Amino acid sequence: MVMPKLEVFDVEPAARQPSGVVVTQVGALEEARLAAYEQGYKAGWDDAAAAQSQDQNQIKADLARNLQQLAFTYQEARAHMLQAVKPLFEEMVNRLLPATARETLAPLVLEQVTPMAEELTDQPVTLVLNPSVRQAVASLITQATGLPMVIEEEPTLPEGQVYIRLGSREAQVDLSRVTAEIAQAVHGFFTLAEEPPSDG
């Protein structure tokens, strides 16, 4: 059987219309694709670094602000606490400390007199003191040592100060000075604590 011949409608290769598709080599395409990938990767990396730097700056700013607020809060709390305890300390210094000094004055005088009396038992002890503490000091010395005493009252002496003479030896008990130093130290502490902190 004979095969029929079919008609060909193809145009000649020279007569074909250009399709607009540019055919390039495979190597050039791969290079372009890698270059685009590298450019995108670099842009992404730069964006991530910029975002991280911005986050770090924000964290640093937040931390500095929080630390500053914390410092103010601490200073305010400290000042408030000091103001709350200041009256208590002032009361202790003004009332309790002098009362305690008066109560301990006689035992301290006795402590000074005893070693002196052991050496010179035949002479009287001379005490120079404020009249307001005479009774407490004299009764304790008499009960504890039985020594003869000469008491000289000196109204200009503070209540916490006593001069002791036995023969050529002399001693002094000065609780007034100690009390004044403690009061001055407490006052100085609160004066210093109330000063605004330096920015150093």
N, C-alpha and C. Protein backbone atom coordinates (compact mmCIF):
# COMPACT_ATOMS: atom_id res chain seq x y z
N MET A 1 0.82 -1.14 0.00
CA MET A 1 0.00 0.00 0.00
C MET A 1 0.88 1.23 0.00
N VAL A 2 0.43 2.18 -0.59
CA VAL A 2 1.20 3.40 -0.77
C VAL A 2 0.72 4.42 0.24
N MET A 3 1.65 5.04 0.85
CA MET A 3 1.33 6.02 1.89
C MET A 3 1.06 7.37 1.24
N PRO A 4 0.03 7.97 1.71
CA PRO A 4 -0.24 9.28 1.11
C PRO A 4 0.76 10.31 1.68
N LYS A 5 1.00 11.22 0.94
CA LYS A 5 1.93 12.28 1.33
C LYS A 5 1.14 13.42 1.95
N LEU A 6 1.62 13.84 3.07
CA LEU A 6 0.90 14.90 3.77
C LEU A 6 1.55 16.23 3.45
N GLU A 7 0.73 17.20 3.50
CA GLU A 7 1.20 18.52 3.14
C GLU A 7 1.88 19.13 4.36
N VAL A 8 2.96 19.84 4.19
CA VAL A 8 3.73 20.48 5.27
C VAL A 8 3.43 21.97 5.21
N PHE A 9 2.97 22.51 6.35
CA PHE A 9 2.64 23.94 6.42
C PHE A 9 3.76 24.77 7.04
N ASP A 10 4.86 24.18 7.38
CA ASP A 10 5.98 24.88 8.00
C ASP A 10 6.54 25.91 7.04
N VAL A 11 6.96 26.99 7.67
CA VAL A 11 7.60 28.01 6.87
C VAL A 11 9.09 27.72 6.86
N GLU A 12 9.75 28.32 6.04
CA GLU A 12 11.19 28.14 5.93
C GLU A 12 11.87 28.68 7.19
N PRO A 13 12.95 28.04 7.61
CA PRO A 13 13.61 28.51 8.81
C PRO A 13 14.03 29.97 8.71
N ALA A 14 14.36 30.46 7.61
CA ALA A 14 14.81 31.84 7.46
C ALA A 14 13.64 32.79 7.61
N ALA A 15 12.45 32.31 7.32
CA ALA A 15 11.29 33.17 7.35
C ALA A 15 10.61 33.22 8.72
N ARG A 16 11.09 32.48 9.66
CA ARG A 16 10.48 32.47 11.00
C ARG A 16 10.58 33.84 11.66
N GLN A 17 9.58 34.17 12.47
CA GLN A 17 9.54 35.44 13.21
C GLN A 17 10.37 35.29 14.52
N PRO A 18 11.05 36.34 14.95
CA PRO A 18 11.78 36.26 16.22
C PRO A 18 10.79 36.16 17.39
N SER A 19 11.04 35.30 18.38
CA SER A 19 10.11 35.04 19.47
C SER A 19 10.36 35.95 20.69
N GLY A 20 11.45 36.67 20.79
CA GLY A 20 11.76 37.52 21.93
C GLY A 20 12.49 36.77 23.03
N VAL A 21 12.72 35.50 22.89
CA VAL A 21 13.43 34.71 23.88
C VAL A 21 14.89 34.69 23.49
N VAL A 22 15.73 35.10 24.48
CA VAL A 22 17.16 35.12 24.22
C VAL A 22 17.74 33.84 24.82
N VAL A 23 18.37 33.14 24.03
CA VAL A 23 18.99 31.91 24.50
C VAL A 23 20.42 32.24 24.87
N THR A 24 20.77 31.92 26.13
CA THR A 24 22.14 32.16 26.58
C THR A 24 22.75 30.84 26.99
N GLN A 25 23.97 30.95 27.30
CA GLN A 25 24.65 29.73 27.71
C GLN A 25 24.28 29.38 29.15
N VAL A 26 24.32 28.13 29.48
CA VAL A 26 23.97 27.63 30.81
C VAL A 26 24.93 28.18 31.87
N GLY A 27 26.16 28.32 31.62
CA GLY A 27 27.17 28.83 32.57
C GLY A 27 26.88 30.27 32.96
N ALA A 28 26.50 31.08 31.99
CA ALA A 28 26.19 32.47 32.28
C ALA A 28 24.94 32.57 33.15
N LEU A 29 23.98 31.71 32.91
CA LEU A 29 22.76 31.69 33.73
C LEU A 29 23.07 31.31 35.18
N GLU A 30 23.91 30.36 35.35
CA GLU A 30 24.29 29.91 36.69
C GLU A 30 25.04 31.02 37.44
N GLU A 31 25.92 31.74 36.74
CA GLU A 31 26.65 32.85 37.35
C GLU A 31 25.69 33.95 37.78
N ALA A 32 24.73 34.26 36.97
CA ALA A 32 23.75 35.30 37.29
C ALA A 32 22.92 34.87 38.50
N ARG A 33 22.55 33.62 38.55
CA ARG A 33 21.77 33.12 39.67
C ARG A 33 22.58 33.17 40.97
N LEU A 34 23.85 32.80 40.94
CA LEU A 34 24.70 32.87 42.12
C LEU A 34 24.92 34.31 42.58
N ALA A 35 25.10 35.21 41.62
CA ALA A 35 25.29 36.63 41.96
C ALA A 35 24.04 37.18 42.65
N ALA A 36 22.88 36.81 42.16
CA ALA A 36 21.62 37.27 42.76
C ALA A 36 21.47 36.68 44.17
N TYR A 37 21.85 35.43 44.32
CA TYR A 37 21.78 34.79 45.65
C TYR A 37 22.72 35.50 46.63
N GLU A 38 23.95 35.77 46.20
CA GLU A 38 24.93 36.45 47.06
C GLU A 38 24.43 37.84 47.43
N GLN A 39 23.87 38.55 46.49
CA GLN A 39 23.37 39.90 46.75
C GLN A 39 22.20 39.84 47.76
N GLY A 40 21.32 38.90 47.59
CA GLY A 40 20.19 38.74 48.52
C GLY A 40 20.66 38.32 49.90
N TYR A 41 21.63 37.40 49.95
CA TYR A 41 22.18 36.95 51.22
C TYR A 41 22.83 38.11 51.97
N LYS A 42 23.64 38.91 51.23
CA LYS A 42 24.31 40.06 51.84
C LYS A 42 23.29 41.08 52.33
N ALA A 43 22.27 41.35 51.58
CA ALA A 43 21.23 42.30 51.99
C ALA A 43 20.52 41.79 53.25
N GLY A 44 20.22 40.50 53.29
CA GLY A 44 19.58 39.93 54.48
C GLY A 44 20.48 40.00 55.70
N TRP A 45 21.75 39.71 55.52
CA TRP A 45 22.71 39.77 56.62
C TRP A 45 22.83 41.20 57.15
N ASP A 46 22.93 42.17 56.22
CA ASP A 46 23.01 43.58 56.63
C ASP A 46 21.76 44.01 57.38
N ASP A 47 20.59 43.57 56.91
CA ASP A 47 19.34 43.91 57.61
C ASP A 47 19.33 43.30 59.01
N ALA A 48 19.78 42.05 59.14
CA ALA A 48 19.80 41.39 60.45
C ALA A 48 20.77 42.09 61.39
N ALA A 49 21.96 42.48 60.89
CA ALA A 49 22.95 43.18 61.72
C ALA A 49 22.41 44.54 62.16
N ALA A 50 21.75 45.25 61.25
CA ALA A 50 21.17 46.55 61.61
C ALA A 50 20.07 46.39 62.65
N ALA A 51 19.24 45.36 62.49
CA ALA A 51 18.16 45.12 63.46
C ALA A 51 18.75 44.75 64.83
N GLN A 52 19.80 43.92 64.84
CA GLN A 52 20.43 43.53 66.10
C GLN A 52 21.07 44.74 66.78
N SER A 53 21.72 45.58 65.99
CA SER A 53 22.34 46.78 66.55
C SER A 53 21.28 47.70 67.14
N GLN A 54 20.16 47.83 66.45
CA GLN A 54 19.06 48.66 66.94
C GLN A 54 18.49 48.06 68.24
N ASP A 55 18.34 46.73 68.27
CA ASP A 55 17.86 46.06 69.49
C ASP A 55 18.82 46.29 70.66
N GLN A 56 20.14 46.15 70.39
CA GLN A 56 21.14 46.36 71.43
C GLN A 56 21.08 47.79 71.97
N ASN A 57 20.96 48.75 71.07
CA ASN A 57 20.87 50.15 71.51
C ASN A 57 19.62 50.37 72.35
N GLN A 58 18.50 49.76 71.97
CA GLN A 58 17.26 49.89 72.72
C GLN A 58 17.40 49.25 74.11
N ILE A 59 18.05 48.07 74.15
CA ILE A 59 18.26 47.39 75.42
C ILE A 59 19.14 48.23 76.33
N LYS A 60 20.22 48.81 75.77
CA LYS A 60 21.11 49.66 76.57
C LYS A 60 20.37 50.89 77.11
N ALA A 61 19.56 51.51 76.27
CA ALA A 61 18.81 52.69 76.70
C ALA A 61 17.81 52.33 77.80
N ASP A 62 17.12 51.19 77.61
CA ASP A 62 16.15 50.75 78.62
C ASP A 62 16.86 50.43 79.94
N LEU A 63 18.00 49.75 79.86
CA LEU A 63 18.76 49.41 81.07
C LEU A 63 19.23 50.66 81.79
N ALA A 64 19.76 51.64 81.04
CA ALA A 64 20.23 52.88 81.67
C ALA A 64 19.07 53.60 82.35
N ARG A 65 17.93 53.66 81.68
CA ARG A 65 16.76 54.32 82.25
C ARG A 65 16.29 53.60 83.52
N ASN A 66 16.26 52.26 83.48
CA ASN A 66 15.82 51.48 84.64
C ASN A 66 16.79 51.64 85.81
N LEU A 67 18.10 51.64 85.52
CA LEU A 67 19.08 51.82 86.59
C LEU A 67 18.96 53.21 87.21
N GLN A 68 18.71 54.22 86.38
CA GLN A 68 18.55 55.57 86.90
C GLN A 68 17.31 55.65 87.79
N GLN A 69 16.21 55.04 87.35
CA GLN A 69 15.00 55.03 88.17
C GLN A 69 15.23 54.26 89.47
N LEU A 70 15.97 53.16 89.38
CA LEU A 70 16.27 52.37 90.57
C LEU A 70 17.12 53.18 91.56
N ALA A 71 18.10 53.93 91.03
CA ALA A 71 18.94 54.76 91.89
C ALA A 71 18.10 55.82 92.59
N PHE A 72 17.20 56.46 91.86
CA PHE A 72 16.32 57.46 92.48
C PHE A 72 15.44 56.81 93.53
N THR A 73 14.91 55.63 93.21
CA THR A 73 14.04 54.93 94.15
C THR A 73 14.83 54.58 95.42
N TYR A 74 16.06 54.11 95.26
CA TYR A 74 16.89 53.76 96.41
C TYR A 74 17.16 55.00 97.26
N GLN A 75 17.54 56.11 96.61
CA GLN A 75 17.83 57.34 97.34
C GLN A 75 16.59 57.84 98.09
N GLU A 76 15.43 57.78 97.42
CA GLU A 76 14.20 58.22 98.07
C GLU A 76 13.87 57.32 99.26
N ALA A 77 14.01 56.01 99.08
CA ALA A 77 13.72 55.07 100.18
C ALA A 77 14.68 55.29 101.34
N ARG A 78 15.95 55.49 101.03
CA ARG A 78 16.97 55.71 102.07
C ARG A 78 16.66 57.00 102.83
N ALA A 79 16.35 58.07 102.08
CA ALA A 79 16.04 59.34 102.73
C ALA A 79 14.80 59.22 103.60
N HIS A 80 13.81 58.51 103.11
CA HIS A 80 12.57 58.32 103.87
C HIS A 80 12.85 57.52 105.15
N MET A 81 13.65 56.47 105.02
CA MET A 81 13.98 55.64 106.17
C MET A 81 14.77 56.44 107.21
N LEU A 82 15.74 57.23 106.75
CA LEU A 82 16.54 58.03 107.67
C LEU A 82 15.67 59.07 108.38
N GLN A 83 14.74 59.67 107.65
CA GLN A 83 13.84 60.64 108.29
C GLN A 83 12.96 59.95 109.33
N ALA A 84 12.62 58.69 109.07
CA ALA A 84 11.77 57.96 110.01
C ALA A 84 12.52 57.61 111.30
N VAL A 85 13.81 57.27 111.20
CA VAL A 85 14.56 56.85 112.40
C VAL A 85 15.27 58.01 113.08
N LYS A 86 15.34 59.16 112.42
CA LYS A 86 16.05 60.30 113.01
C LYS A 86 15.46 60.70 114.36
N PRO A 87 14.13 60.84 114.50
CA PRO A 87 13.60 61.20 115.82
C PRO A 87 13.96 60.18 116.91
N LEU A 88 13.98 58.91 116.54
CA LEU A 88 14.34 57.88 117.52
C LEU A 88 15.77 58.07 118.00
N PHE A 89 16.69 58.30 117.08
CA PHE A 89 18.09 58.49 117.46
C PHE A 89 18.27 59.77 118.27
N GLU A 90 17.56 60.82 117.86
CA GLU A 90 17.67 62.06 118.62
C GLU A 90 17.15 61.87 120.05
N GLU A 91 16.06 61.14 120.19
CA GLU A 91 15.51 60.86 121.51
C GLU A 91 16.50 60.05 122.34
N MET A 92 17.14 59.05 121.69
CA MET A 92 18.12 58.24 122.40
C MET A 92 19.30 59.10 122.87
N VAL A 93 19.77 59.97 121.98
CA VAL A 93 20.92 60.80 122.33
C VAL A 93 20.55 61.82 123.40
N ASN A 94 19.37 62.41 123.28
CA ASN A 94 18.99 63.49 124.21
C ASN A 94 18.49 62.99 125.56
N ARG A 95 17.86 61.81 125.59
CA ARG A 95 17.29 61.35 126.87
C ARG A 95 17.95 60.08 127.40
N LEU A 96 18.03 59.07 126.56
CA LEU A 96 18.53 57.78 127.02
C LEU A 96 20.02 57.81 127.34
N LEU A 97 20.79 58.45 126.47
CA LEU A 97 22.24 58.48 126.66
C LEU A 97 22.62 59.22 127.95
N PRO A 98 22.08 60.40 128.22
CA PRO A 98 22.43 61.05 129.49
C PRO A 98 21.98 60.24 130.70
N ALA A 99 20.79 59.62 130.62
CA ALA A 99 20.31 58.80 131.75
C ALA A 99 21.24 57.61 131.97
N THR A 100 21.65 56.98 130.87
CA THR A 100 22.57 55.85 130.97
C THR A 100 23.91 56.31 131.53
N ALA A 101 24.36 57.48 131.11
CA ALA A 101 25.63 58.01 131.62
C ALA A 101 25.53 58.26 133.12
N ARG A 102 24.39 58.82 133.58
CA ARG A 102 24.23 59.06 135.02
C ARG A 102 24.27 57.75 135.80
N GLU A 103 23.63 56.71 135.23
CA GLU A 103 23.59 55.41 135.94
C GLU A 103 24.96 54.74 135.98
N THR A 104 25.75 54.94 134.95
CA THR A 104 27.06 54.28 134.91
C THR A 104 28.18 55.12 135.50
N LEU A 105 27.88 56.38 135.86
CA LEU A 105 28.92 57.25 136.39
C LEU A 105 29.52 56.69 137.69
N ALA A 106 28.67 56.33 138.62
CA ALA A 106 29.17 55.84 139.91
C ALA A 106 30.03 54.58 139.75
N PRO A 107 29.58 53.55 138.98
CA PRO A 107 30.45 52.38 138.80
C PRO A 107 31.78 52.72 138.14
N LEU A 108 31.78 53.68 137.20
CA LEU A 108 33.04 54.05 136.56
C LEU A 108 33.97 54.77 137.54
N VAL A 109 33.41 55.59 138.41
CA VAL A 109 34.23 56.26 139.43
C VAL A 109 34.82 55.21 140.37
N LEU A 110 33.99 54.25 140.76
CA LEU A 110 34.46 53.16 141.63
C LEU A 110 35.60 52.39 140.96
N GLU A 111 35.46 52.16 139.68
CA GLU A 111 36.50 51.44 138.93
C GLU A 111 37.82 52.20 138.96
N GLN A 112 37.76 53.52 138.95
CA GLN A 112 38.99 54.33 139.00
C GLN A 112 39.55 54.40 140.42
N VAL A 113 38.66 54.44 141.42
CA VAL A 113 39.10 54.62 142.81
C VAL A 113 39.73 53.36 143.37
N THR A 114 39.19 52.19 143.03
CA THR A 114 39.63 50.94 143.64
C THR A 114 41.14 50.70 143.53
N PRO A 115 41.76 50.77 142.34
CA PRO A 115 43.22 50.54 142.31
C PRO A 115 44.00 51.60 143.07
N MET A 116 43.50 52.83 143.05
CA MET A 116 44.19 53.89 143.80
C MET A 116 44.11 53.63 145.30
N ALA A 117 42.96 53.18 145.76
CA ALA A 117 42.73 52.94 147.19
C ALA A 117 43.58 51.78 147.70
N GLU A 118 43.86 50.82 146.88
CA GLU A 118 44.66 49.67 147.31
C GLU A 118 46.08 50.09 147.66
N GLU A 119 46.56 51.13 146.98
CA GLU A 119 47.93 51.59 147.23
C GLU A 119 47.98 52.54 148.43
N LEU A 120 46.98 53.41 148.56
CA LEU A 120 47.02 54.44 149.61
C LEU A 120 45.75 54.37 150.45
N THR A 121 45.71 53.45 151.39
CA THR A 121 44.49 53.24 152.17
C THR A 121 44.34 54.20 153.33
N ASP A 122 45.42 54.93 153.70
CA ASP A 122 45.32 55.78 154.88
C ASP A 122 44.89 57.20 154.56
N GLN A 123 44.71 57.53 153.32
CA GLN A 123 44.32 58.88 152.94
C GLN A 123 42.89 58.90 152.41
N PRO A 124 42.18 59.99 152.60
CA PRO A 124 40.82 60.05 152.07
C PRO A 124 40.82 60.29 150.55
N VAL A 125 39.76 59.82 149.95
CA VAL A 125 39.57 60.03 148.49
C VAL A 125 38.83 61.35 148.34
N THR A 126 39.34 62.21 147.48
CA THR A 126 38.66 63.48 147.20
C THR A 126 37.96 63.35 145.86
N LEU A 127 36.66 63.62 145.88
CA LEU A 127 35.87 63.59 144.65
C LEU A 127 35.36 64.99 144.38
N VAL A 128 35.63 65.49 143.18
CA VAL A 128 35.10 66.79 142.76
C VAL A 128 34.04 66.49 141.72
N LEU A 129 32.79 66.88 142.03
CA LEU A 129 31.69 66.49 141.14
C LEU A 129 30.55 67.50 141.20
N ASN A 130 29.62 67.33 140.29
CA ASN A 130 28.41 68.15 140.25
C ASN A 130 27.50 67.72 141.41
N PRO A 131 26.86 68.67 142.11
CA PRO A 131 26.02 68.30 143.26
C PRO A 131 24.89 67.32 142.91
N SER A 132 24.40 67.30 141.68
CA SER A 132 23.27 66.44 141.33
C SER A 132 23.64 64.96 141.34
N VAL A 133 24.93 64.61 141.23
CA VAL A 133 25.33 63.20 141.21
C VAL A 133 26.00 62.78 142.52
N ARG A 134 26.06 63.67 143.46
CA ARG A 134 26.76 63.39 144.72
C ARG A 134 26.24 62.14 145.41
N GLN A 135 24.94 62.05 145.59
CA GLN A 135 24.35 60.95 146.35
C GLN A 135 24.68 59.59 145.73
N ALA A 136 24.48 59.46 144.43
CA ALA A 136 24.71 58.17 143.77
C ALA A 136 26.17 57.75 143.84
N VAL A 137 27.08 58.68 143.57
CA VAL A 137 28.51 58.36 143.57
C VAL A 137 28.99 58.06 144.99
N ALA A 138 28.67 58.92 145.94
CA ALA A 138 29.16 58.76 147.31
C ALA A 138 28.66 57.47 147.94
N SER A 139 27.39 57.13 147.77
CA SER A 139 26.87 55.91 148.39
C SER A 139 27.53 54.66 147.82
N LEU A 140 27.77 54.64 146.50
CA LEU A 140 28.40 53.45 145.91
C LEU A 140 29.85 53.32 146.37
N ILE A 141 30.59 54.41 146.41
CA ILE A 141 32.00 54.35 146.84
C ILE A 141 32.08 53.90 148.31
N THR A 142 31.22 54.44 149.14
CA THR A 142 31.24 54.08 150.57
C THR A 142 30.89 52.60 150.76
N GLN A 143 29.86 52.13 150.07
CA GLN A 143 29.45 50.72 150.19
C GLN A 143 30.54 49.78 149.68
N ALA A 144 31.16 50.14 148.57
CA ALA A 144 32.10 49.22 147.93
C ALA A 144 33.48 49.23 148.58
N THR A 145 33.94 50.38 149.06
CA THR A 145 35.33 50.45 149.54
C THR A 145 35.43 50.76 151.02
N GLY A 146 34.48 51.48 151.58
CA GLY A 146 34.57 51.89 152.98
C GLY A 146 35.63 52.95 153.21
N LEU A 147 36.14 53.55 152.13
CA LEU A 147 37.18 54.57 152.26
C LEU A 147 36.61 55.87 152.79
N PRO A 148 37.40 56.61 153.54
CA PRO A 148 36.96 57.96 153.92
C PRO A 148 36.98 58.85 152.67
N MET A 149 35.99 59.71 152.55
CA MET A 149 35.87 60.54 151.35
C MET A 149 35.71 62.00 151.71
N VAL A 150 36.27 62.81 150.84
CA VAL A 150 36.02 64.25 150.89
C VAL A 150 35.35 64.58 149.56
N ILE A 151 34.16 65.12 149.63
CA ILE A 151 33.44 65.44 148.39
C ILE A 151 33.39 66.95 148.24
N GLU A 152 33.88 67.39 147.11
CA GLU A 152 33.82 68.81 146.78
C GLU A 152 32.82 68.98 145.64
N GLU A 153 31.79 69.77 145.92
CA GLU A 153 30.78 70.01 144.89
C GLU A 153 31.21 71.17 144.02
N GLU A 154 31.07 70.97 142.75
CA GLU A 154 31.42 72.00 141.77
C GLU A 154 30.27 72.10 140.76
N PRO A 155 29.36 73.07 140.94
CA PRO A 155 28.19 73.17 140.07
C PRO A 155 28.51 73.43 138.60
N THR A 156 29.70 73.94 138.33
CA THR A 156 30.04 74.22 136.93
C THR A 156 30.45 72.95 136.17
N LEU A 157 30.74 71.88 136.88
CA LEU A 157 31.10 70.62 136.21
C LEU A 157 29.85 69.98 135.60
N PRO A 158 29.97 69.39 134.44
CA PRO A 158 28.84 68.63 133.90
C PRO A 158 28.53 67.43 134.78
N GLU A 159 27.31 66.94 134.72
CA GLU A 159 26.90 65.81 135.57
C GLU A 159 27.73 64.56 135.33
N GLY A 160 28.25 64.39 134.14
CA GLY A 160 28.98 63.17 133.83
C GLY A 160 30.47 63.26 134.06
N GLN A 161 30.91 64.29 134.75
CA GLN A 161 32.35 64.48 134.94
C GLN A 161 32.69 64.48 136.42
N VAL A 162 33.67 63.66 136.80
CA VAL A 162 34.12 63.57 138.20
C VAL A 162 35.64 63.54 138.20
N TYR A 163 36.24 64.38 139.08
CA TYR A 163 37.69 64.35 139.29
C TYR A 163 37.95 63.58 140.58
N ILE A 164 38.93 62.69 140.54
CA ILE A 164 39.24 61.84 141.69
C ILE A 164 40.70 62.10 142.09
N ARG A 165 40.89 62.39 143.38
CA ARG A 165 42.25 62.61 143.90
C ARG A 165 42.47 61.72 145.11
N LEU A 166 43.60 61.06 145.09
CA LEU A 166 43.98 60.24 146.24
C LEU A 166 45.49 60.41 146.40
N GLY A 167 45.87 61.16 147.41
CA GLY A 167 47.29 61.47 147.57
C GLY A 167 47.74 62.33 146.40
N SER A 168 48.83 61.90 145.77
CA SER A 168 49.35 62.66 144.63
C SER A 168 48.76 62.18 143.29
N ARG A 169 47.98 61.14 143.39
CA ARG A 169 47.41 60.59 142.14
C ARG A 169 46.07 61.24 141.83
N GLU A 170 45.81 61.38 140.53
CA GLU A 170 44.58 62.00 140.08
C GLU A 170 44.02 61.23 138.89
N ALA A 171 42.71 61.16 138.81
CA ALA A 171 42.06 60.51 137.67
C ALA A 171 40.79 61.30 137.35
N GLN A 172 40.28 61.06 136.16
CA GLN A 172 39.08 61.77 135.74
C GLN A 172 38.14 60.81 135.02
N VAL A 173 36.87 60.91 135.33
CA VAL A 173 35.83 60.20 134.59
C VAL A 173 35.03 61.28 133.88
N ASP A 174 34.94 61.17 132.55
CA ASP A 174 34.26 62.23 131.79
C ASP A 174 33.25 61.63 130.82
N LEU A 175 32.11 61.24 131.35
CA LEU A 175 31.05 60.72 130.50
C LEU A 175 30.35 61.82 129.71
N SER A 176 30.43 63.05 130.19
CA SER A 176 29.82 64.17 129.46
C SER A 176 30.47 64.34 128.10
N ARG A 177 31.80 64.21 128.08
CA ARG A 177 32.51 64.35 126.80
C ARG A 177 32.14 63.22 125.86
N VAL A 178 32.09 61.98 126.40
CA VAL A 178 31.72 60.82 125.58
C VAL A 178 30.31 60.98 125.04
N THR A 179 29.38 61.42 125.91
CA THR A 179 27.99 61.63 125.50
C THR A 179 27.91 62.70 124.41
N ALA A 180 28.66 63.78 124.59
CA ALA A 180 28.66 64.86 123.59
C ALA A 180 29.24 64.37 122.26
N GLU A 181 30.29 63.54 122.31
CA GLU A 181 30.89 63.02 121.08
C GLU A 181 29.92 62.09 120.36
N ILE A 182 29.19 61.26 121.12
CA ILE A 182 28.21 60.38 120.49
C ILE A 182 27.10 61.20 119.86
N ALA A 183 26.61 62.21 120.58
CA ALA A 183 25.55 63.08 120.04
C ALA A 183 26.03 63.79 118.78
N GLN A 184 27.27 64.25 118.79
CA GLN A 184 27.83 64.94 117.63
C GLN A 184 27.97 63.97 116.45
N ALA A 185 28.38 62.75 116.72
CA ALA A 185 28.52 61.74 115.66
C ALA A 185 27.16 61.41 115.05
N VAL A 186 26.14 61.26 115.89
CA VAL A 186 24.79 60.96 115.37
C VAL A 186 24.28 62.13 114.54
N HIS A 187 24.46 63.35 115.05
CA HIS A 187 24.03 64.54 114.31
C HIS A 187 24.78 64.65 112.97
N GLY A 188 26.09 64.41 113.02
CA GLY A 188 26.89 64.46 111.79
C GLY A 188 26.46 63.42 110.78
N PHE A 189 26.10 62.23 111.26
CA PHE A 189 25.64 61.18 110.35
C PHE A 189 24.38 61.62 109.62
N PHE A 190 23.41 62.15 110.35
CA PHE A 190 22.16 62.55 109.70
C PHE A 190 22.35 63.77 108.82
N THR A 191 23.24 64.67 109.19
CA THR A 191 23.53 65.82 108.33
C THR A 191 24.15 65.36 107.02
N LEU A 192 25.10 64.44 107.12
CA LEU A 192 25.74 63.91 105.92
C LEU A 192 24.77 63.10 105.08
N ALA A 193 23.92 62.31 105.72
CA ALA A 193 22.97 61.46 105.00
C ALA A 193 21.92 62.28 104.28
N GLU A 194 21.61 63.48 104.78
CA GLU A 194 20.59 64.31 104.14
C GLU A 194 21.11 65.11 102.98
N GLU A 195 22.43 65.17 102.80
CA GLU A 195 23.00 65.89 101.67
C GLU A 195 22.71 65.12 100.39
N PRO A 196 22.41 65.85 99.29
CA PRO A 196 22.16 65.15 98.02
C PRO A 196 23.41 64.45 97.54
N PRO A 197 23.27 63.25 96.94
CA PRO A 197 24.46 62.53 96.48
C PRO A 197 25.13 63.24 95.34
N SER A 198 26.46 63.17 95.30
CA SER A 198 27.19 63.78 94.18
C SER A 198 27.10 62.89 92.96
N ASP A 199 27.24 63.50 91.79
CA ASP A 199 27.14 62.73 90.53
C ASP A 199 28.47 62.17 90.11
N GLY A 200 29.34 61.86 91.05
CA GLY A 200 30.66 61.35 90.74
C GLY A 200 30.62 59.94 90.67
